[in-house]
Protein backbone atom coordinates (compact mmCIF):
# COMPACT_ATOMS: atom_id res chain seq x y z
CA MET A 1 37.24 59.66 30.43
CA THR A 2 37.18 60.33 26.70
CA ARG A 3 35.93 57.62 24.36
CA PRO A 4 38.51 56.68 21.71
CA VAL A 5 37.78 57.54 18.11
CA VAL A 6 36.69 54.26 16.49
CA CYS A 7 37.79 53.86 12.87
CA THR A 8 36.52 50.97 10.76
CA THR A 9 38.29 51.76 7.47
CA VAL A 10 41.87 52.43 6.51
CA ALA A 11 40.87 55.83 5.13
CA GLU A 12 39.23 56.85 8.43
CA LEU A 13 42.27 55.78 10.41
CA ARG A 14 44.70 57.63 8.17
CA ASP A 15 42.56 60.77 8.32
CA ALA A 16 42.52 60.59 12.13
CA LEU A 17 46.30 60.11 12.27
CA GLU A 18 47.03 62.89 9.81
CA THR A 19 44.82 65.29 11.77
CA ARG A 20 46.64 64.55 15.01
CA VAL A 21 50.07 64.75 13.37
CA SER A 22 49.16 68.15 11.94
CA GLN A 23 48.34 69.23 15.51
CA GLY A 24 51.87 68.47 16.69
CA VAL A 25 51.96 64.81 17.69
CA THR A 26 55.60 63.67 17.89
CA SER A 27 55.17 60.00 18.81
CA VAL A 28 52.68 57.27 17.93
CA GLY A 29 52.21 53.93 19.69
CA LEU A 30 50.47 50.99 18.03
CA PHE A 31 49.16 47.98 19.94
CA PRO A 32 47.76 45.24 17.65
CA THR A 33 45.16 42.97 19.28
CA MET A 34 42.40 40.53 18.38
CA GLY A 35 40.14 42.01 21.04
CA ALA A 36 38.57 40.14 23.97
CA LEU A 37 40.84 42.32 26.08
CA HIS A 38 41.95 41.28 29.56
CA ASP A 39 44.16 42.89 32.19
CA GLY A 40 47.30 41.79 30.36
CA HIS A 41 46.21 43.68 27.25
CA LEU A 42 45.30 46.72 29.29
CA ARG A 43 48.72 46.77 30.92
CA ILE A 44 50.24 46.96 27.45
CA ALA A 45 47.81 49.72 26.41
CA ARG A 46 48.74 51.74 29.50
CA THR A 47 52.43 51.28 28.76
CA ALA A 48 51.85 52.64 25.26
CA ARG A 49 49.85 55.54 26.77
CA ASP A 50 52.73 56.43 29.10
CA GLU A 51 55.26 56.50 26.27
CA ASN A 52 53.47 58.20 23.35
CA ASP A 53 51.51 61.30 22.39
CA LEU A 54 49.02 59.23 20.38
CA VAL A 55 47.99 55.61 20.98
CA VAL A 56 46.26 53.40 18.40
CA VAL A 57 44.91 49.96 19.34
CA SER A 58 43.76 47.67 16.56
CA VAL A 59 40.99 45.17 17.27
CA PHE A 60 40.84 42.61 14.47
CA VAL A 61 40.27 38.86 14.65
CA ASN A 62 42.65 37.87 11.87
CA PRO A 63 41.37 34.83 9.95
CA LEU A 64 44.82 34.13 8.52
CA GLN A 65 46.06 33.14 11.99
CA PHE A 66 43.51 30.36 12.44
CA GLY A 67 43.76 26.82 11.11
CA PRO A 68 40.73 24.87 9.84
CA ASP A 69 40.18 23.18 13.22
CA GLU A 70 40.78 26.28 15.36
CA ASP A 71 38.33 28.61 17.05
CA PHE A 72 37.96 31.51 14.58
CA ASP A 73 34.16 31.47 14.54
CA SER A 74 33.87 31.12 18.30
CA TYR A 75 36.71 33.51 19.18
CA PRO A 76 35.18 36.08 21.57
CA ARG A 77 34.26 39.43 20.03
CA HIS A 78 33.28 42.23 22.44
CA LEU A 79 34.13 45.47 20.66
CA GLU A 80 32.04 47.82 22.81
CA ARG A 81 33.42 46.31 25.99
CA ASP A 82 36.95 46.58 24.58
CA VAL A 83 36.47 50.23 23.57
CA SER A 84 35.22 51.09 27.07
CA ALA A 85 38.22 49.38 28.66
CA LEU A 86 40.60 51.18 26.31
CA ALA A 87 38.96 54.50 27.15
CA ASP A 88 39.93 53.88 30.78
CA CYS A 89 43.52 53.44 29.58
CA GLY A 90 43.51 56.75 27.69
CA VAL A 91 43.75 55.21 24.23
CA ASP A 92 43.10 57.75 21.48
CA VAL A 93 42.08 55.64 18.48
CA VAL A 94 40.66 52.13 18.05
CA PHE A 95 41.01 50.61 14.60
CA ALA A 96 38.33 47.93 14.19
CA PRO A 97 38.25 46.95 10.51
CA SER A 98 36.20 44.25 8.84
CA THR A 99 37.91 41.31 7.15
CA GLU A 100 37.02 42.83 3.78
CA GLN A 101 38.67 46.09 4.79
CA MET A 102 41.90 44.36 5.76
CA TYR A 103 41.87 41.84 2.91
CA PRO A 104 39.92 43.34 0.00
CA GLY A 105 38.78 40.58 -2.33
CA GLY A 106 39.66 37.76 0.04
CA VAL A 107 42.91 36.06 1.03
CA PRO A 108 45.82 38.30 -0.03
CA VAL A 109 47.78 37.19 -3.07
CA ILE A 110 51.03 38.41 -1.50
CA SER A 111 51.74 37.66 2.14
CA VAL A 112 54.65 37.42 4.57
CA THR A 113 56.20 34.02 5.29
CA SER A 114 57.86 33.27 8.60
CA GLY A 115 60.49 30.82 7.32
CA ARG A 116 62.08 28.10 9.42
CA ALA A 117 61.68 30.01 12.68
CA GLY A 118 57.93 30.05 12.12
CA SER A 119 57.65 26.34 11.37
CA VAL A 120 58.87 25.04 14.75
CA LEU A 121 57.21 24.97 18.18
CA GLU A 122 53.89 26.84 17.75
CA GLY A 123 54.37 26.62 14.00
CA THR A 124 54.37 22.81 14.18
CA THR A 125 51.03 22.68 15.96
CA ARG A 126 49.56 25.66 14.11
CA PRO A 127 50.96 25.59 10.56
CA GLY A 128 50.57 28.92 8.80
CA HIS A 129 49.72 30.76 12.01
CA PHE A 130 52.79 32.97 11.99
CA ASP A 131 52.52 33.72 8.28
CA GLY A 132 49.07 35.11 9.04
CA ALA A 133 50.26 37.05 12.08
CA LEU A 134 53.19 38.61 10.23
CA THR A 135 51.03 39.48 7.23
CA VAL A 136 48.50 41.43 9.30
CA VAL A 137 51.16 43.12 11.44
CA ASN A 138 53.06 44.12 8.31
CA LYS A 139 49.85 45.69 6.95
CA LEU A 140 49.23 47.52 10.23
CA PHE A 141 52.76 48.95 10.19
CA MET A 142 52.18 50.25 6.66
CA ILE A 143 48.75 51.68 7.52
CA VAL A 144 49.73 53.42 10.75
CA GLN A 145 53.28 54.55 9.87
CA PRO A 146 53.19 58.26 10.80
CA GLY A 147 56.12 59.32 8.62
CA PRO A 148 59.63 60.75 9.08
CA GLY A 149 60.40 62.71 12.22
CA ILE A 150 57.69 61.06 14.32
CA ALA A 151 58.63 58.27 16.71
CA PHE A 152 56.70 55.08 15.95
CA ARG A 153 56.54 52.27 18.49
CA ALA A 154 54.63 48.98 18.36
CA TYR A 155 53.80 47.04 21.52
CA PHE A 156 53.71 43.26 21.91
CA GLY A 157 53.45 41.02 24.95
CA GLU A 158 56.33 38.72 25.83
CA LYS A 159 53.88 35.85 26.45
CA ASP A 160 53.84 35.23 22.70
CA ALA A 161 57.61 34.88 22.63
CA GLN A 162 57.95 33.20 19.25
CA GLN A 163 55.65 35.74 17.60
CA LEU A 164 57.64 38.58 19.18
CA LEU A 165 60.93 37.23 17.85
CA LEU A 166 59.47 36.83 14.35
CA ILE A 167 58.06 40.36 14.34
CA GLN A 168 61.41 41.76 15.46
CA ARG A 169 63.07 39.86 12.63
CA MET A 170 60.50 41.08 10.09
CA VAL A 171 61.16 44.67 11.13
CA ARG A 172 64.88 44.17 10.52
CA ASP A 173 64.40 42.32 7.25
CA PHE A 174 61.89 44.82 5.83
CA ASN A 175 63.55 47.95 7.31
CA HIS A 176 60.31 49.08 8.89
CA ARG A 177 60.62 52.45 10.60
CA VAL A 178 59.17 51.21 13.89
CA HIS A 179 60.59 50.36 17.29
CA ILE A 180 59.29 47.09 18.76
CA ARG A 181 58.53 47.47 22.44
CA PRO A 182 58.16 44.15 24.32
CA VAL A 183 56.01 44.20 27.46
CA PRO A 184 56.49 41.57 30.22
CA ILE A 185 53.93 38.81 30.84
CA VAL A 186 51.04 39.79 33.10
CA ARG A 187 49.94 37.03 35.47
CA SER A 188 47.05 36.40 37.80
CA GLY A 189 47.71 36.46 41.52
CA GLU A 190 48.16 32.67 41.35
CA GLY A 191 50.69 32.92 38.51
CA LEU A 192 48.63 31.98 35.44
CA ALA A 193 49.70 33.97 32.37
CA LEU A 194 46.72 36.06 31.30
CA SER A 195 45.25 35.05 27.95
CA SER A 196 42.01 35.58 26.04
CA ARG A 197 41.64 31.80 26.02
CA ASN A 198 41.64 31.58 29.83
CA GLN A 199 37.91 32.30 29.76
CA TYR A 200 37.42 28.82 28.30
CA LEU A 201 38.88 27.25 31.46
CA THR A 202 36.65 25.78 34.14
CA ALA A 203 37.59 26.44 37.76
CA ASP A 204 39.25 23.00 37.91
CA ASP A 205 41.07 23.63 34.61
CA ALA A 206 42.40 26.96 35.88
CA ALA A 207 43.73 25.30 39.02
CA HIS A 208 45.48 22.58 37.02
CA ALA A 209 46.86 25.14 34.55
CA LEU A 210 48.98 26.64 37.33
CA VAL A 211 51.36 23.71 36.82
CA LEU A 212 52.81 25.61 33.84
CA ASN A 213 54.05 28.60 35.82
CA ARG A 214 54.99 26.49 38.83
CA THR A 215 57.10 24.14 36.74
CA LEU A 216 58.73 26.87 34.67
CA ARG A 217 59.80 28.63 37.87
CA ALA A 218 61.32 25.41 39.21
CA LEU A 219 63.11 24.80 35.90
CA ALA A 220 64.43 28.36 35.81
CA ALA A 221 65.70 28.01 39.38
CA GLY A 222 67.53 24.77 38.55
CA GLU A 223 65.30 22.71 40.81
CA LEU A 224 64.16 20.43 37.96
CA THR A 225 65.84 19.01 34.89
CA LEU A 226 64.12 19.54 31.55
CA GLU A 227 62.88 15.95 31.53
CA GLN A 228 61.59 16.22 35.09
CA ALA A 229 59.78 19.43 34.20
CA ARG A 230 58.14 17.78 31.18
CA ASN A 231 56.99 14.86 33.32
CA THR A 232 55.63 17.22 35.97
CA ILE A 233 53.45 19.10 33.49
CA ASP A 234 52.31 15.97 31.69
CA GLY A 235 51.49 14.31 34.99
CA GLU A 236 49.10 17.02 36.13
CA PRO A 237 45.45 15.87 35.97
CA GLY A 238 43.66 17.23 32.92
CA VAL A 239 46.88 18.58 31.37
CA THR A 240 48.57 17.22 28.25
CA LEU A 241 51.99 18.63 27.39
CA ASP A 242 52.57 19.70 23.79
CA TYR A 243 56.16 20.83 24.23
CA LEU A 244 58.59 22.18 26.80
CA VAL A 245 61.95 23.29 25.42
CA THR A 246 64.71 25.71 26.24
CA VAL A 247 65.94 27.85 23.36
CA ASP A 248 68.26 30.67 22.44
CA PRO A 249 65.98 33.72 22.73
CA ASP A 250 67.38 35.28 19.55
CA THR A 251 67.21 32.29 17.19
CA LEU A 252 64.81 29.76 18.81
CA ALA A 253 67.52 27.12 18.39
CA GLU A 254 67.15 24.53 21.15
CA THR A 255 69.82 24.72 23.85
CA PRO A 256 70.31 23.03 27.23
CA PRO A 257 68.88 24.97 30.17
CA ARG A 258 71.40 27.71 30.94
CA ALA A 259 71.46 31.30 32.09
CA GLY A 260 69.95 33.52 29.41
CA ALA A 261 68.00 30.74 27.69
CA LEU A 262 64.23 30.91 27.34
CA ALA A 263 61.95 28.08 28.45
CA LEU A 264 58.88 27.76 26.23
CA ALA A 265 55.89 25.59 27.09
CA ALA A 266 52.57 24.73 25.49
CA ALA A 267 49.95 22.39 26.90
CA TRP A 268 46.32 21.44 26.55
CA VAL A 269 44.35 22.07 29.71
CA GLY A 270 41.06 20.32 29.13
CA PRO A 271 40.01 21.52 25.65
CA THR A 272 42.05 24.76 25.88
CA ARG A 273 45.60 25.17 24.60
CA LEU A 274 47.79 27.50 26.68
CA ILE A 275 51.33 28.78 26.22
CA ASP A 276 53.80 30.24 28.71
CA ASN A 277 57.49 31.03 28.92
CA MET A 278 60.17 32.10 31.35
CA LYS A 279 63.77 33.23 31.17
CA ILE A 280 66.29 30.91 32.77
């Protein structure tokens, strides 16, 4: 097991990439994260490892993605643990910049806006969240871009379905030279979608949270109507539904449940907000 090279500045990362490219690397995979890695993250890192000569994982808790009442200060930070886990996955480089390194001088003057598609669903509950996510991902694409002739892939989990759609759209709109590689949701043996926020759940919370996956599966199978599914989630002890909708997976426009649609759900389980989704 070889420890990844850990770079904390843009200059260090670019030097590491240029060295490897000069040695004959023909493909680079980037996996952006905010750390606190779990098995779902590691599945994505291994997928990137299988498909690329060089794998870069960024670990950066992006302040632009957090609202004033969200958990930025308490968001778990375990860099050494993350680096060790990524070493087991064969990751080559970890980019772990400071906030000052990513945003010299403070909040960037110029940022990416997510438009109407970023103002609905998660964007309603977390205004500005997707603008922050797109801004940092846009910067990472520019920093890591290995240049012409080298395949560049970026890996994102399908659990964050709205974010994935927006990133795909940003790549098209900005003509980024990167291929977006979605990776399916990783679930616990009981069906709970893995998330960094799951560690906030008590044992009882985790048991009640299974209603999300259970209900989405029933909705996808046609065993429940949309209204019945909403009532099922909202009726679970300790669970408060934020939204459950079915949408066109390309536009996020709401549509009746039908083959090919995507069911998106968000709910508070105790003090923890969880999201999940499933194709119909």
